[in-house]
C-alpha atoms as a PDB file:
ATOM      1  CA  UNK A   1     135.688   0.290  -9.384  1.00  0.00           C
ATOM      2  CA  UNK A   2     134.058   3.301  -7.559  1.00  0.00           C
ATOM      3  CA  UNK A   3     131.853   5.039 -10.189  1.00  0.00           C
ATOM      4  CA  UNK A   4     129.651   1.931 -10.651  1.00  0.00           C
ATOM      5  CA  UNK A   5     126.750   2.716  -8.173  1.00  0.00           C
ATOM      6  CA  UNK A   6     126.217   6.169  -9.722  1.00  0.00           C
ATOM      7  CA  UNK A   7     125.644   4.777 -13.166  1.00  0.00           C
ATOM      8  CA  UNK A   8     123.545   1.978 -11.812  1.00  0.00           C
ATOM      9  CA  UNK A   9     121.182   4.480 -10.174  1.00  0.00           C
ATOM     10  CA  UNK A  10     120.995   6.457 -13.319  1.00  0.00           C
ATOM     11  CA  UNK A  11     120.179   3.375 -15.246  1.00  0.00           C
ATOM     12  CA  UNK A  12     117.293   2.460 -12.793  1.00  0.00           C
ATOM     13  CA  UNK A  13     115.746   5.902 -13.020  1.00  0.00           C
ATOM     14  CA  UNK A  14     115.529   5.639 -16.747  1.00  0.00           C
ATOM     15  CA  UNK A  15     114.317   2.006 -17.009  1.00  0.00           C
ATOM     16  CA  UNK A  16     110.994   3.131 -18.335  1.00  0.00           C
ATOM     17  CA  UNK A  17     112.555   4.580 -21.476  1.00  0.00           C
ATOM     18  CA  UNK A  18     112.436   2.705 -24.735  1.00  0.00           C
ATOM     19  CA  UNK A  19     114.979   0.017 -25.604  1.00  0.00           C
ATOM     20  CA  UNK A  20     116.114   2.156 -28.567  1.00  0.00           C
ATOM     21  CA  UNK A  21     117.711   4.556 -26.180  1.00  0.00           C
ATOM     22  CA  UNK A  22     119.527   1.689 -24.469  1.00  0.00           C
ATOM     23  CA  UNK A  23     120.984   0.773 -27.810  1.00  0.00           C
ATOM     24  CA  UNK A  24     122.075   4.403 -28.430  1.00  0.00           C
ATOM     25  CA  UNK A  25     124.729   4.250 -25.730  1.00  0.00           C
ATOM     26  CA  UNK A  26     123.243   5.875 -22.622  1.00  0.00           C
ATOM     27  CA  UNK A  27     124.488   3.012 -20.501  1.00  0.00           C
ATOM     28  CA  UNK A  28     128.003   2.775 -22.011  1.00  0.00           C
ATOM     29  CA  UNK A  29     129.544   3.418 -18.640  1.00  0.00           C
ATOM     30  CA  UNK A  30     127.733   0.595 -16.915  1.00  0.00           C
ATOM     31  CA  UNK A  31     129.615  -2.607 -16.233  1.00  0.00           C
ATOM     32  CA  UNK A  32     128.740  -5.815 -17.863  1.00  0.00           C
ATOM     33  CA  UNK A  33     128.025  -7.229 -14.422  1.00  0.00           C
ATOM     34  CA  UNK A  34     125.321  -4.646 -13.558  1.00  0.00           C
ATOM     35  CA  UNK A  35     123.434  -4.646 -16.908  1.00  0.00           C
ATOM     36  CA  UNK A  36     121.460  -7.892 -16.157  1.00  0.00           C
ATOM     37  CA  UNK A  37     119.968  -6.889 -12.769  1.00  0.00           C
ATOM     38  CA  UNK A  38     119.034  -3.464 -14.144  1.00  0.00           C
ATOM     39  CA  UNK A  39     116.956  -4.981 -16.932  1.00  0.00           C
ATOM     40  CA  UNK A  40     115.201  -7.304 -14.482  1.00  0.00           C
ATOM     41  CA  UNK A  41     114.308  -4.414 -12.175  1.00  0.00           C
ATOM     42  CA  UNK A  42     113.029  -2.399 -15.120  1.00  0.00           C
ATOM     43  CA  UNK A  43     110.747  -5.218 -16.248  1.00  0.00           C
ATOM     44  CA  UNK A  44     109.386  -5.665 -12.741  1.00  0.00           C
ATOM     45  CA  UNK A  45     108.556  -1.932 -12.510  1.00  0.00           C
ATOM     46  CA  UNK A  46     106.759  -2.032 -15.885  1.00  0.00           C
ATOM     47  CA  UNK A  47     104.755  -5.059 -14.744  1.00  0.00           C
ATOM     48  CA  UNK A  48     103.728  -3.291 -11.548  1.00  0.00           C
ATOM     49  CA  UNK A  49     102.667  -0.221 -13.539  1.00  0.00           C
ATOM     50  CA  UNK A  50     100.551  -2.340 -15.894  1.00  0.00           C
ATOM     51  CA  UNK A  51      98.996  -4.194 -12.950  1.00  0.00           C
ATOM     52  CA  UNK A  52      98.183  -0.859 -11.314  1.00  0.00           C
ATOM     53  CA  UNK A  53      96.503   0.407 -14.497  1.00  0.00           C
ATOM     54  CA  UNK A  54      94.533  -2.854 -14.757  1.00  0.00           C
ATOM     55  CA  UNK A  55      93.331  -2.495 -11.182  1.00  0.00           C
ATOM     56  CA  UNK A  56      92.189   1.063 -11.881  1.00  0.00           C
ATOM     57  CA  UNK A  57      90.202  -0.078 -14.950  1.00  0.00           C
ATOM     58  CA  UNK A  58      88.644  -2.917 -12.977  1.00  0.00           C
ATOM     59  CA  UNK A  59      87.641  -0.610 -10.140  1.00  0.00           C
ATOM     60  CA  UNK A  60      86.213   1.918 -12.594  1.00  0.00           C
ATOM     61  CA  UNK A  61      84.241  -0.813 -14.386  1.00  0.00           C
ATOM     62  CA  UNK A  62      82.963  -2.142 -11.075  1.00  0.00           C
ATOM     63  CA  UNK A  63      81.848   1.361 -10.020  1.00  0.00           C
ATOM     64  CA  UNK A  64      80.049   1.911 -13.364  1.00  0.00           C
ATOM     65  CA  UNK A  65      78.383  -1.472 -13.104  1.00  0.00           C
ATOM     66  CA  UNK A  66      77.336  -0.690  -9.561  1.00  0.00           C
ATOM     67  CA  UNK A  67      75.855   2.635 -10.652  1.00  0.00           C
ATOM     68  CA  UNK A  68      73.975   0.923 -13.484  1.00  0.00           C
ATOM     69  CA  UNK A  69      72.616  -1.644 -11.026  1.00  0.00           C
ATOM     70  CA  UNK A  70      71.577   1.127  -8.664  1.00  0.00           C
ATOM     71  CA  UNK A  71      69.821   2.986 -11.498  1.00  0.00           C
ATOM     72  CA  UNK A  72      68.099  -0.190 -12.670  1.00  0.00           C
ATOM     73  CA  UNK A  73      67.012  -0.997  -9.135  1.00  0.00           C
ATOM     74  CA  UNK A  74      65.721   2.565  -8.703  1.00  0.00           C
ATOM     75  CA  UNK A  75      63.816   2.349 -11.998  1.00  0.00           C
ATOM     76  CA  UNK A  76      62.304  -1.007 -11.033  1.00  0.00           C
ATOM     77  CA  UNK A  77      61.292   0.347  -7.624  1.00  0.00           C
ATOM     78  CA  UNK A  78      59.761   3.460  -9.208  1.00  0.00           C
ATOM     79  CA  UNK A  79      57.872   1.383 -11.817  1.00  0.00           C
ATOM     80  CA  UNK A  80      56.639  -0.947  -9.091  1.00  0.00           C
ATOM     81  CA  UNK A  81      55.518   2.003  -6.958  1.00  0.00           C
ATOM     82  CA  UNK A  82      53.773   3.549  -9.990  1.00  0.00           C
ATOM     83  CA  UNK A  83      52.037   0.265 -10.820  1.00  0.00           C
ATOM     84  CA  UNK A  84      50.948  -0.143  -7.217  1.00  0.00           C
ATOM     85  CA  UNK A  85      49.580   3.435  -7.180  1.00  0.00           C
ATOM     86  CA  UNK A  86      47.703   2.844 -10.463  1.00  0.00           C
ATOM     87  CA  UNK A  87      46.358  -0.453  -9.165  1.00  0.00           C
ATOM     88  CA  UNK A  88      45.221   1.205  -5.958  1.00  0.00           C
ATOM     89  CA  UNK A  89      43.553   3.980  -7.957  1.00  0.00           C
ATOM     90  CA  UNK A  90      41.849   1.381 -10.166  1.00  0.00           C
ATOM     91  CA  UNK A  91      40.653  -0.477  -7.074  1.00  0.00           C
ATOM     92  CA  UNK A  92      39.268   2.754  -5.628  1.00  0.00           C
ATOM     93  CA  UNK A  93      37.449   3.528  -8.871  1.00  0.00           C
ATOM     94  CA  UNK A  94      36.113  -0.014  -8.994  1.00  0.00           C
ATOM     95  CA  UNK A  95      34.880   0.241  -5.414  1.00  0.00           C
ATOM     96  CA  UNK A  96      33.200   3.574  -6.223  1.00  0.00           C
ATOM     97  CA  UNK A  97      31.496   2.025  -9.260  1.00  0.00           C
ATOM     98  CA  UNK A  98      30.367  -0.977  -7.200  1.00  0.00           C
ATOM     99  CA  UNK A  99      29.027   1.273  -4.427  1.00  0.00           C
ATOM    100  CA  UNK A 100      27.201   3.487  -6.940  1.00  0.00           C
ATOM    101  CA  UNK A 101      25.834   0.434  -8.733  1.00  0.00           C
ATOM    102  CA  UNK A 102      24.599  -1.026  -5.457  1.00  0.00           C
ATOM    103  CA  UNK A 103      22.979   2.262  -4.510  1.00  0.00           C
ATOM    104  CA  UNK A 104      21.262   2.475  -7.906  1.00  0.00           C
ATOM    105  CA  UNK A 105      20.129  -1.139  -7.622  1.00  0.00           C
ATOM    106  CA  UNK A 106      18.744  -0.555  -4.140  1.00  0.00           C
ATOM    107  CA  UNK A 107      16.979   2.610  -5.267  1.00  0.00           C
ATOM    108  CA  UNK A 108      15.444   0.836  -8.286  1.00  0.00           C
ATOM    109  CA  UNK A 109      14.433  -2.098  -6.105  1.00  0.00           C
ATOM    110  CA  UNK A 110      12.763   0.260  -3.632  1.00  0.00           C
ATOM    111  CA  UNK A 111      10.980   2.034  -6.508  1.00  0.00           C
ATOM    112  CA  UNK A 112       9.900  -1.312  -7.932  1.00  0.00           C
ATOM    113  CA  UNK A 113       8.552  -2.400  -4.556  1.00  0.00           C
ATOM    114  CA  UNK A 114       6.733   0.923  -4.221  1.00  0.00           C
ATOM    115  CA  UNK A 115       5.193   0.602  -7.697  1.00  0.00           C
ATOM    116  CA  UNK A 116       4.243  -3.016  -7.031  1.00  0.00           C
ATOM    117  CA  UNK A 117       2.498  -1.999  -3.821  1.00  0.00           C
ATOM    118  CA  UNK A 118       0.747   0.838  -5.674  1.00  0.00           C
ATOM    119  CA  UNK A 119      -0.336  -1.559  -8.431  1.00  0.00           C
ATOM    120  CA  UNK A 120      -1.740  -3.983  -5.858  1.00  0.00           C
ATOM    121  CA  UNK A 121      -3.574  -1.138  -4.150  1.00  0.00           C
ATOM    122  CA  UNK A 122      -5.026   0.103  -7.442  1.00  0.00           C
ATOM    123  CA  UNK A 123      -5.996  -3.428  -8.403  1.00  0.00           C
ATOM    124  CA  UNK A 124      -7.848  -3.908  -5.123  1.00  0.00           C
ATOM    125  CA  UNK A 125      -9.506  -0.524  -5.586  1.00  0.00           C
ATOM    126  CA  UNK A 126     -10.502  -1.430  -9.137  1.00  0.00           C
ATOM    127  CA  UNK A 127     -11.967  -4.744  -8.029  1.00  0.00           C
ATOM    128  CA  UNK A 128     -13.916  -2.959  -5.309  1.00  0.00           C
ATOM    129  CA  UNK A 129     -15.203  -0.342  -7.741  1.00  0.00           C
ATOM    130  CA  UNK A 130     -16.077  -3.004 -10.277  1.00  0.00           C
ATOM    131  CA  UNK A 131     -18.042  -4.864  -7.622  1.00  0.00           C
ATOM    132  CA  UNK A 132     -19.842  -1.667  -6.676  1.00  0.00           C
ATOM    133  CA  UNK A 133     -20.551  -0.922 -10.323  1.00  0.00           C
ATOM    134  CA  UNK A 134     -21.986  -4.362 -10.908  1.00  0.00           C
ATOM    135  CA  UNK A 135     -24.150  -3.882  -7.837  1.00  0.00           C
ATOM    136  CA  UNK A 136     -25.296  -0.487  -9.123  1.00  0.00           C
ATOM    137  CA  UNK A 137     -26.089  -1.906 -12.563  1.00  0.00           C
ATOM    138  CA  UNK A 138     -28.174  -4.627 -10.968  1.00  0.00           C
ATOM    139  CA  UNK A 139     -29.979  -1.959  -8.959  1.00  0.00           C
ATOM    140  CA  UNK A 140     -30.569   0.059 -12.127  1.00  0.00           C
ATOM    141  CA  UNK A 141     -31.992  -2.994 -13.866  1.00  0.00           C
ATOM    142  CA  UNK A 142     -34.152  -3.888 -10.889  1.00  0.00           C
ATOM    143  CA  UNK A 143     -35.416  -0.382 -10.128  1.00  0.00           C
ATOM    144  CA  UNK A 144     -35.539   0.979 -13.678  1.00  0.00           C
ATOM    145  CA  UNK A 145     -33.240   3.884 -12.841  1.00  0.00           C
ATOM    146  CA  UNK A 146     -32.235   6.307 -15.561  1.00  0.00           C
ATOM    147  CA  UNK A 147     -28.888   7.293 -16.947  1.00  0.00           C
ATOM    148  CA  UNK A 148     -28.584  10.670 -18.658  1.00  0.00           C
ATOM    149  CA  UNK A 149     -26.053  12.058 -21.091  1.00  0.00           C
ATOM    150  CA  UNK A 150     -25.881  15.694 -22.229  1.00  0.00           C
ATOM    151  CA  UNK A 151     -23.978  16.418 -25.432  1.00  0.00           C
ATOM    152  CA  UNK A 152     -21.235  18.989 -25.898  1.00  0.00           C
ATOM    153  CA  UNK A 153     -22.040  19.659 -29.562  1.00  0.00           C
ATOM    154  CA  UNK A 154     -25.137  20.809 -31.406  1.00  0.00           C
ATOM    155  CA  UNK A 155     -27.202  18.757 -33.860  1.00  0.00           C
ATOM    156  CA  UNK A 156     -30.679  18.772 -35.371  1.00  0.00           C
ATOM    157  CA  UNK A 157     -33.436  16.920 -33.520  1.00  0.00           C
ATOM    158  CA  UNK A 158     -33.319  13.916 -35.900  1.00  0.00           C
ATOM    159  CA  UNK A 159     -29.502  13.694 -35.758  1.00  0.00           C
ATOM    160  CA  UNK A 160     -29.568  13.953 -31.965  1.00  0.00           C
ATOM    161  CA  UNK A 161     -32.065  11.110 -31.693  1.00  0.00           C
ATOM    162  CA  UNK A 162     -30.048   8.950 -34.083  1.00  0.00           C
ATOM    163  CA  UNK A 163     -26.899   9.371 -31.933  1.00  0.00           C
ATOM    164  CA  UNK A 164     -28.811   8.434 -28.777  1.00  0.00           C
ATOM    165  CA  UNK A 165     -30.278   5.327 -30.411  1.00  0.00           C
ATOM    166  CA  UNK A 166     -26.864   4.273 -31.744  1.00  0.00           C
ATOM    167  CA  UNK A 167     -25.737   4.156 -28.119  1.00  0.00           C
ATOM    168  CA  UNK A 168     -28.622   2.143 -26.802  1.00  0.00           C
ATOM    169  CA  UNK A 169     -30.819   4.987 -25.547  1.00  0.00           C
ATOM    170  CA  UNK A 170     -33.113   7.697 -26.877  1.00  0.00           C
ATOM    171  CA  UNK A 171     -33.943  11.349 -26.345  1.00  0.00           C
ATOM    172  CA  UNK A 172     -35.118  11.984 -22.795  1.00  0.00           C
ATOM    173  CA  UNK A 173     -38.770  11.516 -21.834  1.00  0.00           C
ATOM    174  CA  UNK A 174     -40.115  13.750 -19.043  1.00  0.00           C
ATOM    175  CA  UNK A 175     -43.150  12.464 -17.144  1.00  0.00           C
ATOM    176  CA  UNK A 176     -42.676  13.957 -13.661  1.00  0.00           C
ATOM    177  CA  UNK A 177     -42.031  17.339 -12.123  1.00  0.00           C
ATOM    178  CA  UNK A 178     -38.923  15.953 -10.411  1.00  0.00           C
ATOM    179  CA  UNK A 179     -37.454  14.872 -13.734  1.00  0.00           C
ATOM    180  CA  UNK A 180     -38.403  18.243 -15.281  1.00  0.00           C
ATOM    181  CA  UNK A 181     -36.480  20.075 -12.566  1.00  0.00           C
ATOM    182  CA  UNK A 182     -33.504  17.758 -13.008  1.00  0.00           C
ATOM    183  CA  UNK A 183     -33.295  18.323 -16.805  1.00  0.00           C
ATOM    184  CA  UNK A 184     -33.655  22.097 -16.306  1.00  0.00           C
ATOM    185  CA  UNK A 185     -30.722  22.055 -13.860  1.00  0.00           C
ATOM    186  CA  UNK A 186     -28.285  21.521 -16.763  1.00  0.00           C
ATOM    187  CA  UNK A 187     -28.802  25.192 -17.738  1.00  0.00           C
ATOM    188  CA  UNK A 188     -28.657  24.382 -21.453  1.00  0.00           C
ATOM    189  CA  UNK A 189     -31.091  24.649 -24.358  1.00  0.00           C
ATOM    190  CA  UNK A 190     -31.521  20.974 -25.242  1.00  0.00           C
ATOM    191  CA  UNK A 191     -33.737  18.778 -27.389  1.00  0.00           C
ATOM    192  CA  UNK A 192     -36.021  16.354 -25.558  1.00  0.00           C
ATOM    193  CA  UNK A 193     -37.825  13.345 -26.982  1.00  0.00           C
ATOM    194  CA  UNK A 194     -41.120  15.124 -27.785  1.00  0.00           C
ATOM    195  CA  UNK A 195     -42.336  16.144 -31.265  1.00  0.00           C
ATOM    196  CA  UNK A 196     -45.299  16.126 -33.640  1.00  0.00           C
ATOM    197  CA  UNK A 197     -43.273  14.912 -36.639  1.00  0.00           C
ATOM    198  CA  UNK A 198     -45.628  11.999 -37.398  1.00  0.00           C
ATOM    199  CA  UNK A 199     -48.798  14.080 -37.199  1.00  0.00           C
ATOM    200  CA  UNK A 200     -48.941  17.835 -36.869  1.00  0.00           C
ATOM    201  CA  UNK A 201     -50.456  18.964 -33.603  1.00  0.00           C
ATOM    202  CA  UNK A 202     -50.251  15.465 -32.090  1.00  0.00           C
ATOM    203  CA  UNK A 203     -47.294  15.562 -29.693  1.00  0.00           C
ATOM    204  CA  UNK A 204     -45.792  12.165 -28.870  1.00  0.00           C
ATOM    205  CA  UNK A 205     -42.777  10.952 -27.025  1.00  0.00           C
ATOM    206  CA  UNK A 206     -40.115   8.931 -28.837  1.00  0.00           C
ATOM    207  CA  UNK A 207     -41.513   5.719 -27.305  1.00  0.00           C
ATOM    208  CA  UNK A 208     -44.915   6.598 -28.926  1.00  0.00           C
ATOM    209  CA  UNK A 209     -46.476   7.262 -25.528  1.00  0.00           C
ATOM    210  CA  UNK A 210     -48.923  10.197 -25.487  1.00  0.00           C
ATOM    211  CA  UNK A 211     -48.200  13.484 -23.772  1.00  0.00           C
ATOM    212  CA  UNK A 212     -49.906  13.418 -20.357  1.00  0.00           C
ATOM    213  CA  UNK A 213     -47.983  16.026 -18.368  1.00  0.00           C
ATOM    214  CA  UNK A 214     -46.479  19.125 -19.966  1.00  0.00           C
ATOM    215  CA  UNK A 215     -44.419  22.144 -18.942  1.00  0.00           C
ATOM    216  CA  UNK A 216     -45.102  24.561 -21.817  1.00  0.00           C
ATOM    217  CA  UNK A 217     -44.024  28.150 -21.755  1.00  0.00           C
ATOM    218  CA  UNK A 218     -46.795  30.737 -22.226  1.00  0.00           C
ATOM    219  CA  UNK A 219     -45.792  31.476 -25.830  1.00  0.00           C
ATOM    220  CA  UNK A 220     -45.162  28.229 -27.683  1.00  0.00           C
ATOM    221  CA  UNK A 221     -46.042  27.654 -31.283  1.00  0.00           C
ATOM    222  CA  UNK A 222     -48.563  24.995 -32.233  1.00  0.00           C
ATOM    223  CA  UNK A 223     -47.197  23.554 -35.450  1.00  0.00           C
ATOM    224  CA  UNK A 224     -45.136  20.644 -36.743  1.00  0.00           C
ATOM    225  CA  UNK A 225     -42.019  21.131 -34.683  1.00  0.00           C
ATOM    226  CA  UNK A 226     -39.775  19.563 -32.044  1.00  0.00           C
ATOM    227  CA  UNK A 227     -39.574  20.454 -28.369  1.00  0.00           C
ATOM    228  CA  UNK A 228     -36.657  21.982 -26.481  1.00  0.00           C
ATOM    229  CA  UNK A 229     -36.114  22.864 -22.819  1.00  0.00           C
ATOM    230  CA  UNK A 230     -34.998  26.460 -22.270  1.00  0.00           C
ATOM    231  CA  UNK A 231     -33.393  27.040 -18.816  1.00  0.00           C
ATOM    232  CA  UNK A 232     -33.793  30.823 -19.051  1.00  0.00           C
ATOM    233  CA  UNK A 233     -37.471  30.480 -18.177  1.00  0.00           C
ATOM    234  CA  UNK A 234     -39.392  29.124 -15.194  1.00  0.00           C
ATOM    235  CA  UNK A 235     -38.295  25.503 -14.703  1.00  0.00           C
ATOM    236  CA  UNK A 236     -41.909  24.355 -14.784  1.00  0.00           C
ATOM    237  CA  UNK A 237     -42.762  26.462 -17.835  1.00  0.00           C
ATOM    238  CA  UNK A 238     -39.820  26.246 -20.195  1.00  0.00           C
ATOM    239  CA  UNK A 239     -40.853  23.964 -23.089  1.00  0.00           C
ATOM    240  CA  UNK A 240     -40.764  25.561 -26.519  1.00  0.00           C
ATOM    241  CA  UNK A 241     -41.248  24.264 -30.055  1.00  0.00           C
ATOM    242  CA  UNK A 242     -38.778  25.027 -32.820  1.00  0.00           C
ATOM    243  CA  UNK A 243     -38.155  23.684 -36.316  1.00  0.00           C
ATOM    244  CA  UNK A 244     -36.523  20.261 -36.036  1.00  0.00           C
ATOM    245  CA  UNK A 245     -33.700  21.420 -38.306  1.00  0.00           C
ATOM    246  CA  UNK A 246     -32.471  23.869 -35.668  1.00  0.00           C
ATOM    247  CA  UNK A 247     -29.139  23.019 -33.981  1.00  0.00           C
ATOM    248  CA  UNK A 248     -29.320  22.304 -30.281  1.00  0.00           C
ATOM    249  CA  UNK A 249     -27.542  20.221 -27.699  1.00  0.00           C
ATOM    250  CA  UNK A 250     -29.463  17.157 -26.588  1.00  0.00           C
ATOM    251  CA  UNK A 251     -30.000  14.827 -23.626  1.00  0.00           C
ATOM    252  CA  UNK A 252     -30.034  11.060 -24.024  1.00  0.00           C
ATOM    253  CA  UNK A 253     -31.726   8.733 -21.559  1.00  0.00           C
ATOM    254  CA  UNK A 254     -30.854   5.084 -20.918  1.00  0.00           C
ATOM    255  CA  UNK A 255     -32.810   2.575 -18.932  1.00  0.00           C
ATOM    256  CA  UNK A 256     -29.849   0.188 -18.761  1.00  0.00           C
ATOM    257  CA  UNK A 257     -26.307   1.537 -18.580  1.00  0.00           C
ATOM    258  CA  UNK A 258     -24.186   1.784 -21.740  1.00  0.00           C
ATOM    259  CA  UNK A 259     -21.399   4.229 -22.659  1.00  0.00           C
ATOM    260  CA  UNK A 260     -22.664   7.343 -24.387  1.00  0.00           C
ATOM    261  CA  UNK A 261     -19.465   9.376 -24.657  1.00  0.00           C
END
């Protein structure tokens, strides 16, 4: 029968259509002999199409997975690079701190060594001065040298003497011209240890020794008073008498050294 190939081809072209259409009579002209091979070919085509779709999905999934792996790898590399950079920065900061700390330590050590050397030098100097002072004190004791102290404030004659005695001395006694010149060199009006407090007109030194050598000014008053040295006059004629209640500076004299300040 000649029309058979035409209907077979038509049936193959439409094998993808639903089975409902097959039941509706589209293939009524096909022979009973050709209907079996047509169905087999149709099923094979559908299977190939499904396999092709599955391959596409698999490839797409593989590509997505590959991209995710690439992104993860990139993120890990970036995090690692960032951590390495931070670690390097931390190491640099640590090295800077260590260097600065070492410099500070070296500077403090050098300062400590300098201060230690200065302390040793001062200690040696102090020991030398102390030795010299002890020698001088022994010389003072042996030679009866004098130590003098001139006040910076003003007191009455009795108060001045009391302060001198509290410090181991007394108001100055002048027995020589040399000592008179020395006391006058202070250029201050000062009390000295001469008065007639015990008996008017009888001048005595504070150690009760009598007056043997004097340096009176031309106009001094002869009455119960105390004696001052006035530097405005001739150094060998500058003793004056004033009431003992007057306020003057004073000069203390020590035979053996003791602090008077």
